[in-house]
Protein backbone atom coordinates (compact mmCIF):
# COMPACT_ATOMS: atom_id res chain seq x y z
CA LEU A 1 0.38 1.75 -11.06
CA ALA A 2 3.89 1.30 -9.70
CA ALA A 3 4.56 4.98 -10.35
CA ALA A 4 1.40 5.92 -8.44
CA LEU A 5 2.44 3.78 -5.49
CA ASP A 6 5.92 5.33 -5.54
CA GLN A 7 4.32 8.78 -5.57
CA ILE A 8 2.20 7.88 -2.54
CA GLU A 9 5.30 6.75 -0.66
CA GLN A 10 7.07 10.06 -1.40
CA GLN A 11 4.28 12.29 -0.09
CA GLN A 12 4.38 14.20 3.16
CA PRO A 13 2.77 12.44 6.13
CA GLY A 14 -0.33 14.13 7.43
CA ASP A 15 -1.13 15.97 4.19
CA PRO A 16 -4.85 15.19 3.81
CA SER A 17 -4.88 15.96 0.08
CA HIS A 18 -2.52 13.04 -0.55
CA ARG A 19 -4.23 10.32 1.46
CA LEU A 20 -4.54 6.73 0.25
CA ILE A 21 -8.15 6.99 1.38
CA ASN A 22 -10.32 10.08 1.38
CA LEU A 23 -13.41 9.62 3.46
CA PRO A 24 -16.32 12.05 3.13
CA GLY A 25 -15.68 15.01 5.37
CA ALA A 26 -11.96 14.37 5.65
CA SER A 27 -11.05 17.56 3.83
CA LYS A 28 -13.43 19.58 6.00
CA ALA A 29 -11.96 18.15 9.18
CA ALA A 30 -8.41 18.71 7.93
CA ALA A 31 -9.20 22.27 6.93
CA ALA A 32 -10.67 22.92 10.35
CA VAL A 33 -7.40 22.06 12.13
CA PRO A 34 -5.56 25.31 12.79
CA SER A 35 -1.97 25.53 11.66
CA SER A 36 0.78 26.44 14.08
CA SER A 37 1.40 29.69 12.19
CA SER A 38 -2.17 30.96 12.48
CA SER A 39 -3.11 33.52 15.07
CA SER A 40 -4.79 32.22 18.21
CA GLY A 41 -8.51 31.91 17.68
CA SER A 42 -11.22 31.00 20.09
CA VAL A 43 -10.38 28.06 22.31
CA ALA A 44 -13.79 26.47 21.76
CA GLY A 45 -13.46 26.63 17.96
CA SER A 46 -9.98 25.17 18.12
CA SER A 47 -11.17 22.42 20.45
CA ASP A 48 -14.08 21.54 18.14
CA SER A 49 -11.84 21.38 15.07
CA THR A 50 -9.28 19.28 16.95
CA GLU A 51 -12.02 16.90 18.08
CA ALA A 52 -13.31 16.66 14.51
CA ARG A 53 -9.81 15.91 13.21
CA LEU A 54 -9.26 13.30 15.94
CA GLU A 55 -12.52 11.63 15.00
CA GLN A 56 -11.57 11.65 11.31
CA LEU A 57 -8.14 10.20 12.06
CA GLY A 58 -9.79 7.46 14.11
CA LEU A 59 -12.04 6.58 11.18
CA ASP A 60 -9.07 6.64 8.80
CA MET A 61 -7.16 4.29 11.09
CA ALA A 62 -10.09 1.88 11.24
CA VAL A 63 -10.42 1.78 7.45
CA LEU A 64 -6.67 1.51 6.88
CA THR A 65 -6.27 -1.22 9.49
CA THR A 66 -9.03 -3.23 7.81
CA PHE A 67 -7.46 -2.66 4.39
CA VAL A 68 -4.02 -3.75 5.64
CA ARG A 69 -5.49 -6.91 7.17
CA LEU A 70 -7.34 -7.74 3.95
CA GLN A 71 -4.18 -7.27 1.90
CA GLU A 72 -2.23 -9.45 4.34
CA LEU A 73 -4.87 -12.16 4.02
CA LYS A 74 -4.76 -11.90 0.23
CA MET A 75 -0.98 -12.17 0.27
CA VAL A 76 -1.10 -15.27 2.49
CA GLN A 77 -3.79 -16.73 0.24
CA MET A 78 -1.64 -16.17 -2.85
CA GLU A 79 1.80 -16.95 -1.44
CA GLY A 80 1.13 -19.24 1.52
CA GLU A 81 0.79 -23.01 1.71
CA ALA A 82 -2.61 -22.94 0.02
CA GLY A 83 -1.30 -20.58 -2.67
CA THR A 84 1.29 -20.92 -5.39
CA GLY A 85 4.35 -19.95 -3.39
CA PRO A 86 6.31 -16.75 -2.93
CA LEU A 87 6.66 -14.10 -5.61
CA GLU A 88 10.41 -14.66 -5.74
CA ASP A 89 9.87 -18.32 -6.74
CA ASP A 90 7.58 -17.27 -9.58
CA ILE A 91 10.12 -14.74 -10.81
CA ARG A 92 12.87 -17.37 -10.64
CA ARG A 93 10.74 -19.85 -12.65
CA LEU A 94 10.06 -17.24 -15.31
CA GLN A 95 13.75 -16.30 -15.52
CA GLU A 96 14.72 -19.96 -15.85
CA ALA A 97 12.17 -20.46 -18.63
CA ASP A 98 13.46 -17.36 -20.41
CA ALA A 99 17.05 -18.59 -20.07
CA ILE A 100 16.13 -22.00 -21.55
CA ARG A 101 14.30 -20.37 -24.43
CA ALA A 102 17.19 -17.98 -25.10
CA ALA A 103 19.70 -20.86 -25.07
CA HIS A 104 17.59 -22.84 -27.53
CA GLN A 105 17.19 -19.85 -29.83
CA GLN A 106 20.88 -19.06 -29.65
CA HIS A 107 21.87 -22.60 -30.65
CA GLY A 108 19.10 -22.92 -33.23
CA GLN A 109 17.65 -25.98 -31.53
CA HIS A 110 14.04 -26.27 -32.60
CA ALA A 111 13.77 -29.88 -31.47
CA ALA A 112 14.32 -28.86 -27.85
CA ALA A 113 11.27 -26.60 -27.94
CA ALA A 114 9.35 -29.25 -26.00
CA ALA A 115 11.53 -28.48 -22.97
CA GLU A 116 10.43 -24.84 -23.10
CA MET A 117 7.55 -23.55 -21.04
CA PRO A 118 4.30 -23.47 -23.05
CA ALA A 119 3.05 -19.98 -23.91
CA GLY A 120 -0.15 -20.40 -21.89
CA LEU A 121 1.75 -21.45 -18.79
CA ARG A 122 4.19 -18.57 -19.25
CA ASN A 123 1.29 -16.12 -19.53
CA CYS A 124 -0.33 -17.54 -16.38
CA LEU A 125 2.95 -17.19 -14.51
CA SER A 126 3.38 -13.59 -15.69
CA TYR A 127 -0.19 -12.77 -14.64
CA ARG A 128 0.32 -14.36 -11.21
CA ILE A 129 3.55 -12.40 -10.73
CA GLY A 130 1.67 -9.20 -11.53
CA GLN A 131 -1.08 -10.01 -9.04
CA LYS A 132 1.41 -10.68 -6.27
CA GLN A 133 3.31 -7.49 -7.05
CA LEU A 134 0.06 -5.50 -6.88
CA VAL A 135 -0.91 -6.98 -3.52
CA ARG A 136 2.55 -6.31 -2.11
CA GLY A 137 2.53 -2.77 -3.47
CA TYR A 138 -0.88 -1.95 -2.04
CA LEU A 139 0.10 -3.55 1.26
CA ALA A 140 3.27 -1.44 1.49
CA ALA A 141 1.37 1.75 0.61
CA ALA A 142 -1.41 0.98 3.10
CA ARG A 143 1.06 0.22 5.89
CA LYS A 144 2.86 3.50 5.24
CA GLU A 145 -0.42 5.40 5.21
CA LEU A 146 -1.48 3.70 8.44
CA GLN A 147 1.82 4.64 10.08
CA ASP A 148 1.47 8.25 8.87
CA THR A 149 -2.07 8.41 10.24
CA LEU A 150 -0.96 6.99 13.58
CA THR A 151 1.89 9.52 13.78
CA GLU A 152 -0.48 12.38 13.00
CA LEU A 153 -2.96 11.10 15.60
CA GLN A 154 -0.24 10.86 18.24
CA THR A 155 1.02 14.36 17.43
CA LEU A 156 -2.47 15.81 17.64
CA MET A 157 -3.21 14.06 20.91
CA GLU A 158 0.11 15.17 22.44
CA SER A 159 -0.58 18.77 21.40
CA ARG A 160 -3.88 18.47 23.29
CA GLY A 161 -2.07 17.20 26.34
CA ASP A 162 -3.43 13.63 26.19
CA SER A 163 -1.06 10.79 26.92
CA VAL A 164 -0.54 8.34 24.09
CA ASP A 165 0.18 4.73 25.07
């Protein structure tokens, strides 16, 4: 999953085949947008395809904005005051538990095993770390996709002569 998120972050902005979301009709609207290297076609056809692409970008922005907000809420729920604390604290706890266990194994102290973190608690902590990493990863990817969509929308609107504020 981390590799897939890294791949998303490396992709070109505005390339509709590499979108975090692909709404029905998105590929048709993207294909209808003329490239700058194409010969000049009819103004009406170009205007219609630009309008279709603008509409699709608006829908993409609405979906992405909602997704970003949901991920932010989930992150606050997991890491905020009502949650279990920040990801970094969980990682630190797990590292401390691993260090204690390694020290006990190194010195051959089996009696000190009671000071070690129980296996069930360690597994819960590892699972919680994974959940928080997933939420943060999806949030970062969604924010990047939202920014790319906004940039593409601004570029398209400026090429039409609309002011973007």
